[in-house]
N, C-alpha and C. Protein backbone atom coordinates (compact mmCIF):
# COMPACT_ATOMS: atom_id res chain seq x y z
N MET A 1 -25.92 22.02 46.31
CA MET A 1 -25.23 23.02 45.54
C MET A 1 -24.03 23.50 46.37
N ILE A 2 -22.92 23.69 45.70
CA ILE A 2 -21.71 24.19 46.35
C ILE A 2 -21.37 25.55 45.77
N TYR A 3 -21.05 26.49 46.65
CA TYR A 3 -20.62 27.82 46.21
C TYR A 3 -19.33 28.16 46.94
N ASP A 4 -18.31 28.46 46.19
CA ASP A 4 -17.01 28.82 46.74
C ASP A 4 -16.93 30.34 46.84
N LEU A 5 -16.68 30.84 48.04
CA LEU A 5 -16.60 32.28 48.25
C LEU A 5 -15.59 32.95 47.33
N ARG A 6 -14.57 32.21 46.90
CA ARG A 6 -13.58 32.77 45.97
C ARG A 6 -14.22 33.19 44.65
N ASP A 7 -15.36 32.58 44.31
CA ASP A 7 -16.06 32.98 43.09
C ASP A 7 -16.68 34.37 43.23
N PHE A 8 -16.90 34.79 44.46
CA PHE A 8 -17.39 36.14 44.74
C PHE A 8 -16.20 37.10 44.82
N SER A 9 -15.23 36.74 45.65
CA SER A 9 -14.02 37.57 45.81
C SER A 9 -12.97 36.79 46.59
N LYS A 10 -11.73 37.00 46.24
CA LYS A 10 -10.64 36.42 47.02
C LYS A 10 -10.30 37.30 48.21
N ALA A 11 -10.89 38.51 48.24
CA ALA A 11 -10.66 39.44 49.35
C ALA A 11 -11.96 40.15 49.73
N PRO A 12 -12.94 39.39 50.26
CA PRO A 12 -14.19 40.03 50.67
C PRO A 12 -13.93 40.99 51.82
N PHE A 13 -14.67 42.11 51.83
CA PHE A 13 -14.38 43.11 52.84
C PHE A 13 -15.58 44.03 53.07
N GLY A 14 -15.78 44.37 54.31
CA GLY A 14 -16.76 45.39 54.67
C GLY A 14 -18.16 44.86 54.86
N ARG A 15 -18.98 45.73 55.40
CA ARG A 15 -20.37 45.41 55.69
C ARG A 15 -21.29 45.83 54.56
N TYR A 16 -21.18 47.09 54.15
CA TYR A 16 -22.13 47.68 53.20
C TYR A 16 -21.51 47.86 51.81
N LYS A 17 -22.39 48.00 50.82
CA LYS A 17 -21.91 48.23 49.46
C LYS A 17 -21.07 49.49 49.37
N SER A 18 -21.31 50.45 50.25
CA SER A 18 -20.51 51.67 50.27
C SER A 18 -19.06 51.39 50.69
N ASP A 19 -18.82 50.22 51.29
CA ASP A 19 -17.46 49.80 51.66
C ASP A 19 -16.71 49.20 50.47
N GLY A 20 -17.43 48.88 49.42
CA GLY A 20 -16.80 48.29 48.24
C GLY A 20 -17.69 47.22 47.62
N GLU A 21 -17.34 46.82 46.42
CA GLU A 21 -18.19 45.89 45.68
C GLU A 21 -18.19 44.47 46.24
N PHE A 22 -17.24 44.14 47.11
CA PHE A 22 -17.17 42.79 47.66
C PHE A 22 -17.54 42.77 49.14
N SER A 23 -18.58 43.51 49.48
CA SER A 23 -19.03 43.65 50.85
C SER A 23 -19.97 42.52 51.26
N GLY A 24 -20.24 42.45 52.56
CA GLY A 24 -21.19 41.48 53.08
C GLY A 24 -22.58 41.69 52.51
N GLU A 25 -22.98 42.94 52.36
CA GLU A 25 -24.29 43.25 51.79
C GLU A 25 -24.40 42.70 50.36
N ALA A 26 -23.37 42.90 49.56
CA ALA A 26 -23.38 42.39 48.18
C ALA A 26 -23.39 40.86 48.17
N PHE A 27 -22.62 40.25 49.04
CA PHE A 27 -22.59 38.79 49.08
C PHE A 27 -23.91 38.24 49.57
N ARG A 28 -24.57 38.92 50.53
CA ARG A 28 -25.85 38.45 51.04
C ARG A 28 -26.88 38.32 49.91
N GLU A 29 -26.85 39.23 48.96
CA GLU A 29 -27.79 39.16 47.84
C GLU A 29 -27.56 37.89 47.01
N ILE A 30 -26.32 37.57 46.75
CA ILE A 30 -25.99 36.34 46.02
C ILE A 30 -26.38 35.12 46.86
N LEU A 31 -26.03 35.17 48.12
CA LEU A 31 -26.32 34.08 49.04
C LEU A 31 -27.82 33.81 49.13
N ALA A 32 -28.61 34.86 49.22
CA ALA A 32 -30.07 34.70 49.32
C ALA A 32 -30.62 34.01 48.08
N ASN A 33 -30.16 34.40 46.91
CA ASN A 33 -30.63 33.77 45.67
C ASN A 33 -30.25 32.30 45.61
N LYS A 34 -29.05 31.98 46.00
CA LYS A 34 -28.60 30.58 45.99
C LYS A 34 -29.36 29.75 47.02
N LEU A 35 -29.63 30.36 48.18
CA LEU A 35 -30.39 29.65 49.21
C LEU A 35 -31.83 29.39 48.75
N LYS A 36 -32.44 30.35 48.08
CA LYS A 36 -33.80 30.16 47.57
C LYS A 36 -33.83 29.00 46.57
N TYR A 37 -32.85 28.96 45.69
CA TYR A 37 -32.77 27.87 44.72
C TYR A 37 -32.60 26.53 45.45
N SER A 38 -31.70 26.49 46.42
CA SER A 38 -31.47 25.25 47.17
C SER A 38 -32.72 24.82 47.92
N GLN A 39 -33.41 25.78 48.50
CA GLN A 39 -34.62 25.47 49.24
C GLN A 39 -35.69 24.90 48.31
N GLU A 40 -35.85 25.49 47.15
CA GLU A 40 -36.84 25.00 46.19
C GLU A 40 -36.53 23.58 45.73
N HIS A 41 -35.25 23.23 45.70
CA HIS A 41 -34.83 21.90 45.24
C HIS A 41 -34.52 20.95 46.39
N ASN A 42 -34.84 21.39 47.61
CA ASN A 42 -34.65 20.57 48.81
C ASN A 42 -33.25 19.98 48.90
N GLU A 43 -32.28 20.85 48.69
CA GLU A 43 -30.88 20.44 48.82
C GLU A 43 -30.12 21.52 49.58
N PRO A 44 -29.08 21.14 50.27
CA PRO A 44 -28.33 22.15 51.02
C PRO A 44 -27.48 23.03 50.11
N LEU A 45 -27.21 24.22 50.62
CA LEU A 45 -26.22 25.10 49.98
C LEU A 45 -24.97 25.01 50.83
N ILE A 46 -23.90 24.55 50.23
CA ILE A 46 -22.62 24.41 50.93
C ILE A 46 -21.75 25.59 50.51
N ILE A 47 -21.37 26.40 51.49
CA ILE A 47 -20.52 27.55 51.23
C ILE A 47 -19.10 27.19 51.65
N LYS A 48 -18.17 27.25 50.70
CA LYS A 48 -16.76 26.99 50.98
C LYS A 48 -16.08 28.33 51.27
N LEU A 49 -15.45 28.42 52.42
CA LEU A 49 -14.86 29.68 52.86
C LEU A 49 -13.34 29.75 52.77
N ASP A 50 -12.70 28.68 52.41
CA ASP A 50 -11.23 28.67 52.47
C ASP A 50 -10.60 29.39 51.27
N ASN A 51 -9.35 29.73 51.47
CA ASN A 51 -8.50 30.33 50.43
C ASN A 51 -8.94 31.73 50.00
N VAL A 52 -9.48 32.49 50.96
CA VAL A 52 -9.72 33.91 50.74
C VAL A 52 -8.86 34.66 51.75
N TYR A 53 -8.66 35.95 51.50
CA TYR A 53 -7.79 36.76 52.35
C TYR A 53 -8.57 37.36 53.51
N GLY A 54 -8.76 36.57 54.55
CA GLY A 54 -9.41 37.04 55.76
C GLY A 54 -10.90 37.21 55.61
N LEU A 55 -11.60 37.00 56.70
CA LEU A 55 -13.04 37.17 56.73
C LEU A 55 -13.38 37.98 57.98
N GLY A 56 -13.65 39.25 57.79
CA GLY A 56 -13.97 40.11 58.91
C GLY A 56 -15.34 39.83 59.48
N SER A 57 -15.50 40.15 60.76
CA SER A 57 -16.78 39.91 61.42
C SER A 57 -17.90 40.73 60.80
N SER A 58 -17.61 41.95 60.36
CA SER A 58 -18.68 42.76 59.76
C SER A 58 -19.15 42.14 58.44
N PHE A 59 -18.24 41.60 57.66
CA PHE A 59 -18.61 40.91 56.41
C PHE A 59 -19.48 39.70 56.73
N LEU A 60 -19.05 38.87 57.66
CA LEU A 60 -19.78 37.65 57.98
C LEU A 60 -21.14 37.94 58.60
N GLU A 61 -21.20 38.91 59.51
CA GLU A 61 -22.47 39.23 60.16
C GLU A 61 -23.47 39.77 59.16
N GLU A 62 -23.03 40.66 58.29
CA GLU A 62 -23.95 41.24 57.30
C GLU A 62 -24.40 40.18 56.30
N SER A 63 -23.49 39.32 55.89
CA SER A 63 -23.83 38.28 54.92
C SER A 63 -24.83 37.28 55.49
N PHE A 64 -24.51 36.73 56.63
CA PHE A 64 -25.28 35.62 57.17
C PHE A 64 -26.33 36.06 58.18
N GLY A 65 -25.96 36.88 59.14
CA GLY A 65 -26.95 37.40 60.08
C GLY A 65 -27.98 38.25 59.36
N GLY A 66 -27.55 38.94 58.32
CA GLY A 66 -28.44 39.79 57.54
C GLY A 66 -29.55 39.02 56.86
N LEU A 67 -29.34 37.75 56.58
CA LEU A 67 -30.39 36.92 55.98
C LEU A 67 -31.62 36.86 56.88
N VAL A 68 -31.38 36.79 58.18
CA VAL A 68 -32.48 36.74 59.16
C VAL A 68 -32.96 38.16 59.46
N ARG A 69 -32.06 39.07 59.69
CA ARG A 69 -32.40 40.44 60.05
C ARG A 69 -33.26 41.11 58.98
N LYS A 70 -32.99 40.81 57.73
CA LYS A 70 -33.75 41.40 56.61
C LYS A 70 -35.01 40.60 56.27
N GLY A 71 -35.26 39.52 57.01
CA GLY A 71 -36.47 38.74 56.82
C GLY A 71 -36.46 37.84 55.59
N LEU A 72 -35.27 37.54 55.09
CA LEU A 72 -35.16 36.68 53.90
C LEU A 72 -35.33 35.21 54.24
N PHE A 73 -34.83 34.82 55.41
CA PHE A 73 -34.92 33.44 55.89
C PHE A 73 -35.07 33.48 57.41
N THR A 74 -35.62 32.42 57.96
CA THR A 74 -35.67 32.31 59.41
C THR A 74 -34.45 31.53 59.89
N LYS A 75 -34.18 31.64 61.15
CA LYS A 75 -33.08 30.88 61.76
C LYS A 75 -33.33 29.38 61.56
N GLU A 76 -34.58 29.00 61.75
CA GLU A 76 -34.95 27.59 61.62
C GLU A 76 -34.72 27.09 60.19
N GLU A 77 -35.09 27.89 59.21
CA GLU A 77 -34.88 27.47 57.82
C GLU A 77 -33.40 27.25 57.53
N LEU A 78 -32.57 28.13 58.05
CA LEU A 78 -31.13 28.05 57.76
C LEU A 78 -30.42 26.95 58.53
N LEU A 79 -30.80 26.77 59.79
CA LEU A 79 -30.00 25.92 60.67
C LEU A 79 -30.66 24.63 61.12
N GLU A 80 -32.00 24.56 61.01
CA GLU A 80 -32.67 23.42 61.61
C GLU A 80 -33.49 22.60 60.64
N SER A 81 -33.46 22.94 59.38
CA SER A 81 -34.20 22.16 58.39
C SER A 81 -33.47 20.84 58.14
N SER A 82 -34.18 19.92 57.53
CA SER A 82 -33.56 18.63 57.21
C SER A 82 -33.77 18.33 55.73
N PRO A 83 -32.76 18.29 54.91
CA PRO A 83 -31.36 18.54 55.30
C PRO A 83 -31.15 20.01 55.64
N ARG A 84 -30.12 20.25 56.41
CA ARG A 84 -29.81 21.62 56.82
C ARG A 84 -29.57 22.45 55.57
N LEU A 85 -30.31 23.54 55.42
CA LEU A 85 -30.26 24.35 54.20
C LEU A 85 -28.89 24.99 54.00
N LEU A 86 -28.32 25.55 55.04
CA LEU A 86 -27.03 26.23 54.94
C LEU A 86 -25.95 25.41 55.64
N GLN A 87 -24.92 25.08 54.89
CA GLN A 87 -23.79 24.35 55.46
C GLN A 87 -22.51 25.11 55.13
N ILE A 88 -21.66 25.23 56.11
CA ILE A 88 -20.39 25.95 55.95
C ILE A 88 -19.26 24.93 55.92
N GLU A 89 -18.43 25.04 54.92
CA GLU A 89 -17.27 24.15 54.79
C GLU A 89 -16.02 25.00 54.88
N THR A 90 -15.20 24.71 55.89
CA THR A 90 -13.96 25.45 56.09
C THR A 90 -13.02 24.64 56.96
N GLU A 91 -11.74 24.84 56.75
CA GLU A 91 -10.76 24.17 57.62
C GLU A 91 -10.65 24.88 58.97
N PHE A 92 -11.26 26.07 59.08
CA PHE A 92 -11.21 26.85 60.32
C PHE A 92 -12.59 26.83 60.97
N ASP A 93 -12.78 25.92 61.91
CA ASP A 93 -14.09 25.73 62.54
C ASP A 93 -14.65 27.00 63.16
N PHE A 94 -13.78 27.89 63.62
CA PHE A 94 -14.28 29.09 64.29
C PHE A 94 -15.12 29.96 63.35
N TYR A 95 -14.87 29.91 62.04
CA TYR A 95 -15.71 30.67 61.10
C TYR A 95 -17.13 30.10 61.08
N ALA A 96 -17.26 28.80 61.03
CA ALA A 96 -18.58 28.17 61.02
C ALA A 96 -19.32 28.48 62.32
N ILE A 97 -18.62 28.44 63.44
CA ILE A 97 -19.22 28.74 64.74
C ILE A 97 -19.66 30.20 64.79
N GLU A 98 -18.81 31.09 64.30
CA GLU A 98 -19.12 32.52 64.28
C GLU A 98 -20.35 32.80 63.41
N ILE A 99 -20.41 32.20 62.24
CA ILE A 99 -21.54 32.39 61.33
C ILE A 99 -22.83 31.90 61.98
N GLU A 100 -22.79 30.74 62.57
CA GLU A 100 -23.99 30.21 63.23
C GLU A 100 -24.43 31.14 64.36
N SER A 101 -23.49 31.69 65.10
CA SER A 101 -23.87 32.60 66.19
C SER A 101 -24.50 33.88 65.63
N TYR A 102 -24.01 34.39 64.51
CA TYR A 102 -24.63 35.58 63.91
C TYR A 102 -26.06 35.29 63.47
N ILE A 103 -26.28 34.12 62.92
CA ILE A 103 -27.64 33.75 62.50
C ILE A 103 -28.55 33.61 63.71
N ARG A 104 -28.08 32.93 64.73
CA ARG A 104 -28.92 32.71 65.94
C ARG A 104 -29.21 34.02 66.68
N GLU A 105 -28.28 34.96 66.67
CA GLU A 105 -28.46 36.22 67.39
C GLU A 105 -29.25 37.26 66.62
N ALA A 106 -29.41 37.06 65.31
CA ALA A 106 -30.07 38.05 64.46
C ALA A 106 -31.56 38.16 64.83
N GLN A 107 -32.05 39.38 64.79
CA GLN A 107 -33.47 39.66 65.05
C GLN A 107 -34.11 40.11 63.75
N SER A 108 -35.21 39.47 63.37
CA SER A 108 -35.88 39.86 62.12
C SER A 108 -36.76 41.07 62.35
C-alpha cells in the first residue's frame, strides 16, 4: 500500500492536535490504521514524503516515534519484519534516516 503525505496535508505542522489539524498526532492516527491494514495483509506501507512544505522534527517524531511510544507497534514490527512493514520513500534520504532514528529511540 502506498500513502502520499500530500493526501494528509501539503503543509504538515506541529506535534499535537492543539497545534493544528495537520499535526504529527493527527497523522499518527491515520498512519497507525494504515499500518494495521498493511500488517494484516502482509504487505509494506510505503509513505511518500516528497512535495510537502517542510517536515519538522516534532511532526516526524510524534508521527513515527509515537507509534512505538504509544504502544501501537514495536520497533521490530516497523523496521525488522519481512517484508519491512514501514518503508519511507523520499528524494531526501535524511528524512528516512531521521524517522528511523525516532522509531529506534522511542520507549514504549
